[in-house]
Amino acid sequence: MDITYTKCGDYYLPNIALSDTTHYHIGKYGRMRRTFLQEHRPIQYSDLVLTERLFPHLAEIDEACHQRLDVMIPAMAEQEGVTAALKRADQMEWVRRMNSIKARAEEVILAELIYSD
């Protein structure tokens, strides 16, 4: 291997660059997945980092979570009768129910996608 070095003060550091320089959008769920992997699956986390698959994995998890929420929340709202008519009639009740639905849907997402192997 032909490795070049750069002198920084008294030390020589290898010139290392990532092969994948794509910019990935890592949102809330991707950051939660990274924290879970760091704390509970350190070997899997290290493997993803060393093989440069961590950021694509986190972006994929984040996108999957958002897609699932976009499907689950309207389905749950329809099933429970949370409609625009309820919103016009009693806004606070509509907000309470929608917050409950969002929290329950998020719990399902966290259990299935974030905190799983």
PDB file of N, CA and C in Angstrom:
ATOM      1  N   MET A   1       0.846  -1.185   0.000  1.00  0.00           N
ATOM      2  CA  MET A   1       0.000   0.000   0.000  1.00  0.00           C
ATOM      3  C   MET A   1       0.887   1.242   0.000  1.00  0.00           C
ATOM      4  N   ASP A   2       0.459   2.208  -0.744  1.00  0.00           N
ATOM      5  CA  ASP A   2       1.186   3.463  -0.814  1.00  0.00           C
ATOM      6  C   ASP A   2       0.398   4.508  -0.050  1.00  0.00           C
ATOM      7  N   ILE A   3       0.776   4.741   1.192  1.00  0.00           N
ATOM      8  CA  ILE A   3       0.060   5.674   2.058  1.00  0.00           C
ATOM      9  C   ILE A   3       0.891   6.937   2.204  1.00  0.00           C
ATOM     10  N   THR A   4       0.216   8.081   2.064  1.00  0.00           N
ATOM     11  CA  THR A   4       0.894   9.353   2.271  1.00  0.00           C
ATOM     12  C   THR A   4       0.498   9.913   3.620  1.00  0.00           C
ATOM     13  N   TYR A   5       1.364  10.756   4.165  1.00  0.00           N
ATOM     14  CA  TYR A   5       1.145  11.308   5.492  1.00  0.00           C
ATOM     15  C   TYR A   5       1.282  12.814   5.448  1.00  0.00           C
ATOM     16  N   THR A   6       0.611  13.466   6.403  1.00  0.00           N
ATOM     17  CA  THR A   6       0.702  14.904   6.581  1.00  0.00           C
ATOM     18  C   THR A   6       1.218  15.169   7.980  1.00  0.00           C
ATOM     19  N   LYS A   7       2.172  16.089   8.095  1.00  0.00           N
ATOM     20  CA  LYS A   7       2.727  16.405   9.407  1.00  0.00           C
ATOM     21  C   LYS A   7       1.850  17.450  10.082  1.00  0.00           C
ATOM     22  N   CYS A   8       1.367  17.116  11.279  1.00  0.00           N
ATOM     23  CA  CYS A   8       0.555  18.029  12.095  1.00  0.00           C
ATOM     24  C   CYS A   8       1.277  18.196  13.429  1.00  0.00           C
ATOM     25  N   GLY A   9       2.008  19.290  13.576  1.00  0.00           N
ATOM     26  CA  GLY A   9       2.800  19.480  14.800  1.00  0.00           C
ATOM     27  C   GLY A   9       3.945  18.490  14.801  1.00  0.00           C
ATOM     28  N   ASP A  10       4.013  17.646  15.817  1.00  0.00           N
ATOM     29  CA  ASP A  10       5.057  16.632  15.936  1.00  0.00           C
ATOM     30  C   ASP A  10       4.629  15.274  15.403  1.00  0.00           C
ATOM     31  N   TYR A  11       3.433  15.173  14.875  1.00  0.00           N
ATOM     32  CA  TYR A  11       2.887  13.877  14.468  1.00  0.00           C
ATOM     33  C   TYR A  11       2.647  13.820  12.969  1.00  0.00           C
ATOM     34  N   TYR A  12       2.767  12.633  12.414  1.00  0.00           N
ATOM     35  CA  TYR A  12       2.409  12.374  11.031  1.00  0.00           C
ATOM     36  C   TYR A  12       1.086  11.618  11.021  1.00  0.00           C
ATOM     37  N   LEU A  13       0.102  12.169  10.335  1.00  0.00           N
ATOM     38  CA  LEU A  13      -1.221  11.546  10.245  1.00  0.00           C
ATOM     39  C   LEU A  13      -1.442  11.043   8.828  1.00  0.00           C
ATOM     40  N   PRO A  14      -2.020   9.848   8.690  1.00  0.00           N
ATOM     41  CA  PRO A  14      -2.252   9.332   7.333  1.00  0.00           C
ATOM     42  C   PRO A  14      -3.341  10.131   6.620  1.00  0.00           C
ATOM     43  N   ASN A  15      -3.161  10.301   5.332  1.00  0.00           N
ATOM     44  CA  ASN A  15      -4.163  10.979   4.506  1.00  0.00           C
ATOM     45  C   ASN A  15      -5.221   9.951   4.117  1.00  0.00           C
ATOM     46  N   ILE A  16      -6.302   9.949   4.861  1.00  0.00           N
ATOM     47  CA  ILE A  16      -7.379   8.985   4.638  1.00  0.00           C
ATOM     48  C   ILE A  16      -8.629   9.755   4.228  1.00  0.00           C
ATOM     49  N   ALA A  17      -9.316   9.265   3.223  1.00  0.00           N
ATOM     50  CA  ALA A  17     -10.549   9.896   2.753  1.00  0.00           C
ATOM     51  C   ALA A  17     -11.616   8.823   2.565  1.00  0.00           C
ATOM     52  N   LEU A  18     -12.856   9.215   2.790  1.00  0.00           N
ATOM     53  CA  LEU A  18     -13.972   8.302   2.563  1.00  0.00           C
ATOM     54  C   LEU A  18     -14.185   8.107   1.070  1.00  0.00           C
ATOM     55  N   SER A  19     -14.532   6.904   0.689  1.00  0.00           N
ATOM     56  CA  SER A  19     -14.798   6.651  -0.729  1.00  0.00           C
ATOM     57  C   SER A  19     -16.182   7.143  -1.136  1.00  0.00           C
ATOM     58  N   ASP A  20     -17.136   7.151  -0.205  1.00  0.00           N
ATOM     59  CA  ASP A  20     -18.501   7.605  -0.480  1.00  0.00           C
ATOM     60  C   ASP A  20     -18.676   8.996   0.108  1.00  0.00           C
ATOM     61  N   THR A  21     -18.763  10.007  -0.735  1.00  0.00           N
ATOM     62  CA  THR A  21     -18.907  11.379  -0.250  1.00  0.00           C
ATOM     63  C   THR A  21     -20.313  11.920  -0.470  1.00  0.00           C
ATOM     64  N   THR A  22     -21.263  11.037  -0.638  1.00  0.00           N
ATOM     65  CA  THR A  22     -22.659  11.440  -0.822  1.00  0.00           C
ATOM     66  C   THR A  22     -23.182  12.068   0.464  1.00  0.00           C
ATOM     67  N   HIS A  23     -23.968  13.123   0.316  1.00  0.00           N
ATOM     68  CA  HIS A  23     -24.583  13.775   1.474  1.00  0.00           C
ATOM     69  C   HIS A  23     -25.918  13.085   1.770  1.00  0.00           C
ATOM     70  N   TYR A  24     -26.026  12.529   2.963  1.00  0.00           N
ATOM     71  CA  TYR A  24     -27.249  11.846   3.366  1.00  0.00           C
ATOM     72  C   TYR A  24     -28.005  12.704   4.368  1.00  0.00           C
ATOM     73  N   HIS A  25     -29.340  12.736   4.232  1.00  0.00           N
ATOM     74  CA  HIS A  25     -30.177  13.436   5.203  1.00  0.00           C
ATOM     75  C   HIS A  25     -30.518  12.458   6.333  1.00  0.00           C
ATOM     76  N   ILE A  26     -29.991  12.730   7.503  1.00  0.00           N
ATOM     77  CA  ILE A  26     -30.242  11.889   8.668  1.00  0.00           C
ATOM     78  C   ILE A  26     -31.115  12.706   9.621  1.00  0.00           C
ATOM     79  N   GLY A  27     -32.349  12.288   9.788  1.00  0.00           N
ATOM     80  CA  GLY A  27     -33.279  13.008  10.642  1.00  0.00           C
ATOM     81  C   GLY A  27     -33.357  12.414  12.040  1.00  0.00           C
ATOM     82  N   LYS A  28     -34.449  12.702  12.693  1.00  0.00           N
ATOM     83  CA  LYS A  28     -34.683  12.273  14.073  1.00  0.00           C
ATOM     84  C   LYS A  28     -34.548  10.766  14.240  1.00  0.00           C
ATOM     85  N   TYR A  29     -35.188  10.016  13.373  1.00  0.00           N
ATOM     86  CA  TYR A  29     -35.197   8.564  13.531  1.00  0.00           C
ATOM     87  C   TYR A  29     -33.842   7.946  13.187  1.00  0.00           C
ATOM     88  N   GLY A  30     -33.136   8.515  12.233  1.00  0.00           N
ATOM     89  CA  GLY A  30     -31.795   8.050  11.931  1.00  0.00           C
ATOM     90  C   GLY A  30     -30.839   8.280  13.089  1.00  0.00           C
ATOM     91  N   ARG A  31     -30.967   9.433  13.740  1.00  0.00           N
ATOM     92  CA  ARG A  31     -30.119   9.716  14.913  1.00  0.00           C
ATOM     93  C   ARG A  31     -30.473   8.798  16.079  1.00  0.00           C
ATOM     94  N   MET A  32     -31.755   8.490  16.241  1.00  0.00           N
ATOM     95  CA  MET A  32     -32.152   7.556  17.300  1.00  0.00           C
ATOM     96  C   MET A  32     -31.587   6.174  17.039  1.00  0.00           C
ATOM     97  N   ARG A  33     -31.589   5.748  15.771  1.00  0.00           N
ATOM     98  CA  ARG A  33     -31.041   4.439  15.410  1.00  0.00           C
ATOM     99  C   ARG A  33     -29.530   4.399  15.669  1.00  0.00           C
ATOM    100  N   ARG A  34     -28.830   5.486  15.331  1.00  0.00           N
ATOM    101  CA  ARG A  34     -27.390   5.549  15.576  1.00  0.00           C
ATOM    102  C   ARG A  34     -27.085   5.439  17.065  1.00  0.00           C
ATOM    103  N   THR A  35     -27.827   6.139  17.885  1.00  0.00           N
ATOM    104  CA  THR A  35     -27.628   6.072  19.332  1.00  0.00           C
ATOM    105  C   THR A  35     -27.884   4.667  19.851  1.00  0.00           C
ATOM    106  N   PHE A  36     -28.956   4.032  19.365  1.00  0.00           N
ATOM    107  CA  PHE A  36     -29.251   2.662  19.775  1.00  0.00           C
ATOM    108  C   PHE A  36     -28.111   1.724  19.398  1.00  0.00           C
ATOM    109  N   LEU A  37     -27.616   1.840  18.175  1.00  0.00           N
ATOM    110  CA  LEU A  37     -26.522   0.969  17.741  1.00  0.00           C
ATOM    111  C   LEU A  37     -25.262   1.211  18.568  1.00  0.00           C
ATOM    112  N   GLN A  38     -24.950   2.464  18.852  1.00  0.00           N
ATOM    113  CA  GLN A  38     -23.757   2.773  19.639  1.00  0.00           C
ATOM    114  C   GLN A  38     -23.843   2.180  21.046  1.00  0.00           C
ATOM    115  N   GLU A  39     -24.999   2.293  21.661  1.00  0.00           N
ATOM    116  CA  GLU A  39     -25.138   1.878  23.058  1.00  0.00           C
ATOM    117  C   GLU A  39     -25.418   0.387  23.224  1.00  0.00           C
ATOM    118  N   HIS A  40     -26.162  -0.220  22.299  1.00  0.00           N
ATOM    119  CA  HIS A  40     -26.618  -1.593  22.504  1.00  0.00           C
ATOM    120  C   HIS A  40     -26.076  -2.605  21.495  1.00  0.00           C
ATOM    121  N   ARG A  41     -25.587  -2.153  20.365  1.00  0.00           N
ATOM    122  CA  ARG A  41     -25.027  -3.048  19.346  1.00  0.00           C
ATOM    123  C   ARG A  41     -23.690  -2.493  18.852  1.00  0.00           C
ATOM    124  N   PRO A  42     -22.694  -2.385  19.746  1.00  0.00           N
ATOM    125  CA  PRO A  42     -21.434  -1.736  19.354  1.00  0.00           C
ATOM    126  C   PRO A  42     -20.684  -2.460  18.240  1.00  0.00           C
ATOM    127  N   ILE A  43     -20.787  -3.768  18.172  1.00  0.00           N
ATOM    128  CA  ILE A  43     -20.087  -4.508  17.118  1.00  0.00           C
ATOM    129  C   ILE A  43     -20.725  -4.215  15.764  1.00  0.00           C
ATOM    130  N   GLN A  44     -22.046  -4.230  15.712  1.00  0.00           N
ATOM    131  CA  GLN A  44     -22.747  -3.914  14.467  1.00  0.00           C
ATOM    132  C   GLN A  44     -22.466  -2.470  14.059  1.00  0.00           C
ATOM    133  N   TYR A  45     -22.447  -1.563  15.038  1.00  0.00           N
ATOM    134  CA  TYR A  45     -22.151  -0.154  14.757  1.00  0.00           C
ATOM    135  C   TYR A  45     -20.745  -0.016  14.169  1.00  0.00           C
ATOM    136  N   SER A  46     -19.760  -0.669  14.781  1.00  0.00           N
ATOM    137  CA  SER A  46     -18.384  -0.595  14.284  1.00  0.00           C
ATOM    138  C   SER A  46     -18.274  -1.169  12.877  1.00  0.00           C
ATOM    139  N   ASP A  47     -18.966  -2.255  12.631  1.00  0.00           N
ATOM    140  CA  ASP A  47     -18.950  -2.859  11.303  1.00  0.00           C
ATOM    141  C   ASP A  47     -19.523  -1.894  10.267  1.00  0.00           C
ATOM    142  N   LEU A  48     -20.644  -1.248  10.599  1.00  0.00           N
ATOM    143  CA  LEU A  48     -21.243  -0.294   9.664  1.00  0.00           C
ATOM    144  C   LEU A  48     -20.325   0.898   9.412  1.00  0.00           C
ATOM    145  N   VAL A  49     -19.645   1.365  10.450  1.00  0.00           N
ATOM    146  CA  VAL A  49     -18.731   2.495  10.292  1.00  0.00           C
ATOM    147  C   VAL A  49     -17.546   2.096   9.419  1.00  0.00           C
ATOM    148  N   LEU A  50     -16.936   0.960   9.722  1.00  0.00           N
ATOM    149  CA  LEU A  50     -15.732   0.539   9.008  1.00  0.00           C
ATOM    150  C   LEU A  50     -15.991   0.190   7.544  1.00  0.00           C
ATOM    151  N   THR A  51     -17.178  -0.287   7.242  1.00  0.00           N
ATOM    152  CA  THR A  51     -17.513  -0.621   5.851  1.00  0.00           C
ATOM    153  C   THR A  51     -18.195   0.540   5.127  1.00  0.00           C
ATOM    154  N   GLU A  52     -18.290   1.684   5.782  1.00  0.00           N
ATOM    155  CA  GLU A  52     -18.895   2.903   5.231  1.00  0.00           C
ATOM    156  C   GLU A  52     -20.353   2.709   4.824  1.00  0.00           C
ATOM    157  N   ARG A  53     -21.069   1.886   5.573  1.00  0.00           N
ATOM    158  CA  ARG A  53     -22.490   1.665   5.317  1.00  0.00           C
ATOM    159  C   ARG A  53     -23.371   2.320   6.373  1.00  0.00           C
ATOM    160  N   LEU A  54     -22.778   3.022   7.352  1.00  0.00           N
ATOM    161  CA  LEU A  54     -23.564   3.598   8.440  1.00  0.00           C
ATOM    162  C   LEU A  54     -24.531   4.666   7.930  1.00  0.00           C
ATOM    163  N   PHE A  55     -24.030   5.654   7.197  1.00  0.00           N
ATOM    164  CA  PHE A  55     -24.897   6.740   6.753  1.00  0.00           C
ATOM    165  C   PHE A  55     -25.988   6.285   5.797  1.00  0.00           C
ATOM    166  N   PRO A  56     -25.697   5.406   4.832  1.00  0.00           N
ATOM    167  CA  PRO A  56     -26.811   4.896   4.013  1.00  0.00           C
ATOM    168  C   PRO A  56     -27.848   4.133   4.847  1.00  0.00           C
ATOM    169  N   HIS A  57     -27.389   3.374   5.843  1.00  0.00           N
ATOM    170  CA  HIS A  57     -28.302   2.627   6.720  1.00  0.00           C
ATOM    171  C   HIS A  57     -29.189   3.592   7.504  1.00  0.00           C
ATOM    172  N   LEU A  58     -28.594   4.627   8.085  1.00  0.00           N
ATOM    173  CA  LEU A  58     -29.363   5.592   8.875  1.00  0.00           C
ATOM    174  C   LEU A  58     -30.360   6.357   7.999  1.00  0.00           C
ATOM    175  N   ALA A  59     -29.941   6.729   6.802  1.00  0.00           N
ATOM    176  CA  ALA A  59     -30.850   7.438   5.894  1.00  0.00           C
ATOM    177  C   ALA A  59     -32.017   6.536   5.495  1.00  0.00           C
ATOM    178  N   GLU A  60     -31.731   5.262   5.265  1.00  0.00           N
ATOM    179  CA  GLU A  60     -32.784   4.308   4.899  1.00  0.00           C
ATOM    180  C   GLU A  60     -33.779   4.119   6.040  1.00  0.00           C
ATOM    181  N   ILE A  61     -33.281   3.991   7.261  1.00  0.00           N
ATOM    182  CA  ILE A  61     -34.155   3.847   8.434  1.00  0.00           C
ATOM    183  C   ILE A  61     -35.015   5.091   8.603  1.00  0.00           C
ATOM    184  N   ASP A  62     -34.406   6.268   8.475  1.00  0.00           N
ATOM    185  CA  ASP A  62     -35.148   7.522   8.639  1.00  0.00           C
ATOM    186  C   ASP A  62     -36.259   7.630   7.604  1.00  0.00           C
ATOM    187  N   GLU A  63     -35.951   7.319   6.363  1.00  0.00           N
ATOM    188  CA  GLU A  63     -36.954   7.386   5.300  1.00  0.00           C
ATOM    189  C   GLU A  63     -38.065   6.361   5.528  1.00  0.00           C
ATOM    190  N   ALA A  64     -37.705   5.151   5.934  1.00  0.00           N
ATOM    191  CA  ALA A  64     -38.713   4.114   6.183  1.00  0.00           C
ATOM    192  C   ALA A  64     -39.647   4.526   7.323  1.00  0.00           C
ATOM    193  N   CYS A  65     -39.104   5.126   8.356  1.00  0.00           N
ATOM    194  CA  CYS A  65     -39.941   5.581   9.479  1.00  0.00           C
ATOM    195  C   CYS A  65     -40.929   6.647   9.028  1.00  0.00           C
ATOM    196  N   HIS A  66     -40.463   7.612   8.258  1.00  0.00           N
ATOM    197  CA  HIS A  66     -41.360   8.666   7.784  1.00  0.00           C
ATOM    198  C   HIS A  66     -42.449   8.104   6.862  1.00  0.00           C
ATOM    199  N   GLN A  67     -42.078   7.169   6.010  1.00  0.00           N
ATOM    200  CA  GLN A  67     -43.079   6.573   5.126  1.00  0.00           C
ATOM    201  C   GLN A  67     -44.123   5.800   5.921  1.00  0.00           C
ATOM    202  N   ARG A  68     -43.683   5.042   6.917  1.00  0.00           N
ATOM    203  CA  ARG A  68     -44.636   4.278   7.737  1.00  0.00           C
ATOM    204  C   ARG A  68     -45.563   5.213   8.502  1.00  0.00           C
ATOM    205  N   LEU A  69     -45.025   6.296   9.063  1.00  0.00           N
ATOM    206  CA  LEU A  69     -45.872   7.248   9.783  1.00  0.00           C
ATOM    207  C   LEU A  69     -46.880   7.900   8.844  1.00  0.00           C
ATOM    208  N   ASP A  70     -46.451   8.229   7.634  1.00  0.00           N
ATOM    209  CA  ASP A  70     -47.356   8.851   6.668  1.00  0.00           C
ATOM    210  C   ASP A  70     -48.514   7.933   6.290  1.00  0.00           C
ATOM    211  N   VAL A  71     -48.315   6.636   6.411  1.00  0.00           N
ATOM    212  CA  VAL A  71     -49.382   5.676   6.108  1.00  0.00           C
ATOM    213  C   VAL A  71     -50.213   5.383   7.357  1.00  0.00           C
ATOM    214  N   MET A  72     -49.549   5.190   8.488  1.00  0.00           N
ATOM    215  CA  MET A  72     -50.238   4.762   9.710  1.00  0.00           C
ATOM    216  C   MET A  72     -51.137   5.832  10.312  1.00  0.00           C
ATOM    217  N   ILE A  73     -50.676   7.065  10.369  1.00  0.00           N
ATOM    218  CA  ILE A  73     -51.451   8.120  11.044  1.00  0.00           C
ATOM    219  C   ILE A  73     -52.800   8.342  10.372  1.00  0.00           C
ATOM    220  N   PRO A  74     -52.874   8.538   9.050  1.00  0.00           N
ATOM    221  CA  PRO A  74     -54.206   8.705   8.437  1.00  0.00           C
ATOM    222  C   PRO A  74     -55.091   7.462   8.577  1.00  0.00           C
ATOM    223  N   ALA A  75     -54.481   6.271   8.505  1.00  0.00           N
ATOM    224  CA  ALA A  75     -55.276   5.050   8.650  1.00  0.00           C
ATOM    225  C   ALA A  75     -55.856   4.941  10.051  1.00  0.00           C
ATOM    226  N   MET A  76     -55.053   5.239  11.046  1.00  0.00           N
ATOM    227  CA  MET A  76     -55.544   5.178  12.432  1.00  0.00           C
ATOM    228  C   MET A  76     -56.590   6.259  12.681  1.00  0.00           C
ATOM    229  N   ALA A  77     -56.390   7.448  12.119  1.00  0.00           N
ATOM    230  CA  ALA A  77     -57.362   8.535  12.299  1.00  0.00           C
ATOM    231  C   ALA A  77     -58.701   8.155  11.671  1.00  0.00           C
ATOM    232  N   GLU A  78     -58.660   7.559  10.505  1.00  0.00           N
ATOM    233  CA  GLU A  78     -59.902   7.136   9.851  1.00  0.00           C
ATOM    234  C   GLU A  78     -60.589   6.041  10.646  1.00  0.00           C
ATOM    235  N   GLN A  79     -59.814   5.097  11.145  1.00  0.00           N
ATOM    236  CA  GLN A  79     -60.378   3.983  11.910  1.00  0.00           C
ATOM    237  C   GLN A  79     -61.037   4.475  13.203  1.00  0.00           C
ATOM    238  N   GLU A  80     -60.473   5.516  13.814  1.00  0.00           N
ATOM    239  CA  GLU A  80     -61.003   6.024  15.082  1.00  0.00           C
ATOM    240  C   GLU A  80     -61.992   7.168  14.902  1.00  0.00           C
ATOM    241  N   GLY A  81     -62.281   7.530  13.674  1.00  0.00           N
ATOM    242  CA  GLY A  81     -63.293   8.552  13.425  1.00  0.00           C
ATOM    243  C   GLY A  81     -62.831   9.970  13.672  1.00  0.00           C
ATOM    244  N   VAL A  82     -61.547  10.221  13.561  1.00  0.00           N
ATOM    245  CA  VAL A  82     -61.017  11.574  13.720  1.00  0.00           C
ATOM    246  C   VAL A  82     -61.046  12.217  12.333  1.00  0.00           C
ATOM    247  N   THR A  83     -62.046  13.080  12.122  1.00  0.00           N
ATOM    248  CA  THR A  83     -62.288  13.645  10.798  1.00  0.00           C
ATOM    249  C   THR A  83     -62.207  15.164  10.832  1.00  0.00           C
ATOM    250  N   ALA A  84     -62.345  15.746   9.648  1.00  0.00           N
ATOM    251  CA  ALA A  84     -62.371  17.207   9.538  1.00  0.00           C
ATOM    252  C   ALA A  84     -63.609  17.780  10.230  1.00  0.00           C
ATOM    253  N   ALA A  85     -64.697  17.009  10.247  1.00  0.00           N
ATOM    254  CA  ALA A  85     -65.913  17.469  10.939  1.00  0.00           C
ATOM    255  C   ALA A  85     -65.649  17.612  12.435  1.00  0.00           C
ATOM    256  N   LEU A  86     -64.924  16.669  13.002  1.00  0.00           N
ATOM    257  CA  LEU A  86     -64.562  16.777  14.421  1.00  0.00           C
ATOM    258  C   LEU A  86     -63.663  17.979  14.642  1.00  0.00           C
ATOM    259  N   LYS A  87     -62.767  18.238  13.713  1.00  0.00           N
ATOM    260  CA  LYS A  87     -61.863  19.376  13.833  1.00  0.00           C
ATOM    261  C   LYS A  87     -62.637  20.691  13.840  1.00  0.00           C
ATOM    262  N   ARG A  88     -63.665  20.777  12.984  1.00  0.00           N
ATOM    263  CA  ARG A  88     -64.490  21.995  12.957  1.00  0.00           C
ATOM    264  C   ARG A  88     -65.336  22.127  14.214  1.00  0.00           C
ATOM    265  N   ALA A  89     -65.825  21.011  14.719  1.00  0.00           N
ATOM    266  CA  ALA A  89     -66.733  21.054  15.868  1.00  0.00           C
ATOM    267  C   ALA A  89     -65.993  21.262  17.190  1.00  0.00           C
ATOM    268  N   ASP A  90     -64.892  20.552  17.397  1.00  0.00           N
ATOM    269  CA  ASP A  90     -64.175  20.624  18.678  1.00  0.00           C
ATOM    270  C   ASP A  90     -62.675  20.461  18.406  1.00  0.00           C
ATOM    271  N   GLN A  91     -62.007  21.583  18.218  1.00  0.00           N
ATOM    272  CA  GLN A  91     -60.602  21.557  17.833  1.00  0.00           C
ATOM    273  C   GLN A  91     -59.705  20.913  18.885  1.00  0.00           C
ATOM    274  N   MET A  92     -59.950  21.194  20.134  1.00  0.00           N
ATOM    275  CA  MET A  92     -59.095  20.641  21.193  1.00  0.00           C
ATOM    276  C   MET A  92     -59.223  19.123  21.280  1.00  0.00           C
ATOM    277  N   GLU A  93     -60.414  18.608  21.099  1.00  0.00           N
ATOM    278  CA  GLU A  93     -60.601  17.158  21.104  1.00  0.00           C
ATOM    279  C   GLU A  93     -59.878  16.527  19.912  1.00  0.00           C
ATOM    280  N   TRP A  94     -59.957  17.197  18.754  1.00  0.00           N
ATOM    281  CA  TRP A  94     -59.270  16.705  17.566  1.00  0.00           C
ATOM    282  C   TRP A  94     -57.756  16.671  17.804  1.00  0.00           C
ATOM    283  N   VAL A  95     -57.219  17.720  18.411  1.00  0.00           N
ATOM    284  CA  VAL A  95     -55.784  17.779  18.703  1.00  0.00           C
ATOM    285  C   VAL A  95     -55.392  16.674  19.681  1.00  0.00           C
ATOM    286  N   ARG A  96     -56.192  16.472  20.726  1.00  0.00           N
ATOM    287  CA  ARG A  96     -55.902  15.401  21.696  1.00  0.00           C
ATOM    288  C   ARG A  96     -55.851  14.037  21.016  1.00  0.00           C
ATOM    289  N   ARG A  97     -56.844  13.774  20.203  1.00  0.00           N
ATOM    290  CA  ARG A  97     -56.891  12.471  19.524  1.00  0.00           C
ATOM    291  C   ARG A  97     -55.743  12.294  18.533  1.00  0.00           C
ATOM    292  N   MET A  98     -55.431  13.342  17.772  1.00  0.00           N
ATOM    293  CA  MET A  98     -54.338  13.245  16.805  1.00  0.00           C
ATOM    294  C   MET A  98     -52.986  13.078  17.508  1.00  0.00           C
ATOM    295  N   ASN A  99     -52.798  13.759  18.625  1.00  0.00           N
ATOM    296  CA  ASN A  99     -51.559  13.574  19.389  1.00  0.00           C
ATOM    297  C   ASN A  99     -51.456  12.148  19.910  1.00  0.00           C
ATOM    298  N   SER A 100     -52.568  11.603  20.360  1.00  0.00           N
ATOM    299  CA  SER A 100     -52.577  10.225  20.830  1.00  0.00           C
ATOM    300  C   SER A 100     -52.248   9.258  19.700  1.00  0.00           C
ATOM    301  N   ILE A 101     -52.846   9.489  18.546  1.00  0.00           N
ATOM    302  CA  ILE A 101     -52.599   8.625  17.390  1.00  0.00           C
ATOM    303  C   ILE A 101     -51.135   8.711  16.978  1.00  0.00           C
ATOM    304  N   LYS A 102     -50.594   9.921  16.926  1.00  0.00           N
ATOM    305  CA  LYS A 102     -49.192  10.086  16.524  1.00  0.00           C
ATOM    306  C   LYS A 102     -48.263   9.393  17.513  1.00  0.00           C
ATOM    307  N   ALA A 103     -48.537   9.517  18.804  1.00  0.00           N
ATOM    308  CA  ALA A 103     -47.690   8.880  19.817  1.00  0.00           C
ATOM    309  C   ALA A 103     -47.736   7.361  19.701  1.00  0.00           C
ATOM    310  N   ARG A 104     -48.929   6.804  19.484  1.00  0.00           N
ATOM    311  CA  ARG A 104     -49.035   5.354  19.347  1.00  0.00           C
ATOM    312  C   ARG A 104     -48.357   4.851  18.078  1.00  0.00           C
ATOM    313  N   ALA A 105     -48.529   5.579  16.982  1.00  0.00           N
ATOM    314  CA  ALA A 105     -47.884   5.186  15.728  1.00  0.00           C
ATOM    315  C   ALA A 105     -46.363   5.258  15.864  1.00  0.00           C
ATOM    316  N   GLU A 106     -45.888   6.279  16.547  1.00  0.00           N
ATOM    317  CA  GLU A 106     -44.446   6.416  16.749  1.00  0.00           C
ATOM    318  C   GLU A 106     -43.896   5.291  17.623  1.00  0.00           C
ATOM    319  N   GLU A 107     -44.644   4.862  18.611  1.00  0.00           N
ATOM    320  CA  GLU A 107     -44.206   3.735  19.444  1.00  0.00           C
ATOM    321  C   GLU A 107     -44.050   2.465  18.618  1.00  0.00           C
ATOM    322  N   VAL A 108     -44.977   2.246  17.693  1.00  0.00           N
ATOM    323  CA  VAL A 108     -44.883   1.074  16.820  1.00  0.00           C
ATOM    324  C   VAL A 108     -43.638   1.178  15.944  1.00  0.00           C
ATOM    325  N   ILE A 109     -43.403   2.353  15.386  1.00  0.00           N
ATOM    326  CA  ILE A 109     -42.239   2.580  14.521  1.00  0.00           C
ATOM    327  C   ILE A 109     -40.945   2.351  15.306  1.00  0.00           C
ATOM    328  N   LEU A 110     -40.884   2.886  16.503  1.00  0.00           N
ATOM    329  CA  LEU A 110     -39.673   2.733  17.315  1.00  0.00           C
ATOM    330  C   LEU A 110     -39.401   1.267  17.624  1.00  0.00           C
ATOM    331  N   ALA A 111     -40.442   0.537  17.983  1.00  0.00           N
ATOM    332  CA  ALA A 111     -40.256  -0.867  18.322  1.00  0.00           C
ATOM    333  C   ALA A 111     -39.863  -1.712  17.119  1.00  0.00           C
ATOM    334  N   GLU A 112     -40.445  -1.403  15.958  1.00  0.00           N
ATOM    335  CA  GLU A 112     -40.212  -2.248  14.777  1.00  0.00           C
ATOM    336  C   GLU A 112     -38.954  -1.877  14.000  1.00  0.00           C
ATOM    337  N   LEU A 113     -38.632  -0.595  13.924  1.00  0.00           N
ATOM    338  CA  LEU A 113     -37.533  -0.172  13.052  1.00  0.00           C
ATOM    339  C   LEU A 113     -36.291   0.331  13.796  1.00  0.00           C
ATOM    340  N   ILE A 114     -36.481   1.054  14.859  1.00  0.00           N
ATOM    341  CA  ILE A 114     -35.338   1.685  15.531  1.00  0.00           C
ATOM    342  C   ILE A 114     -34.686   0.716  16.500  1.00  0.00           C
ATOM    343  N   TYR A 115     -35.466   0.114  17.394  1.00  0.00           N
ATOM    344  CA  TYR A 115     -34.907  -0.701  18.469  1.00  0.00           C
ATOM    345  C   TYR A 115     -34.949  -2.199  18.164  1.00  0.00           C
ATOM    346  N   SER A 116     -34.839  -2.557  16.910  1.00  0.00           N
ATOM    347  CA  SER A 116     -34.835  -3.977  16.543  1.00  0.00           C
ATOM    348  C   SER A 116     -33.472  -4.312  15.918  1.00  0.00           C
ATOM    349  N   ASP A 117     -33.231  -5.586  15.753  1.00  0.00           N
ATOM    350  CA  ASP A 117     -31.949  -6.003  15.179  1.00  0.00           C
ATOM    351  C   ASP A 117     -31.926  -5.878  13.695  1.00  0.00           C
TER     352      ASP A 117
END
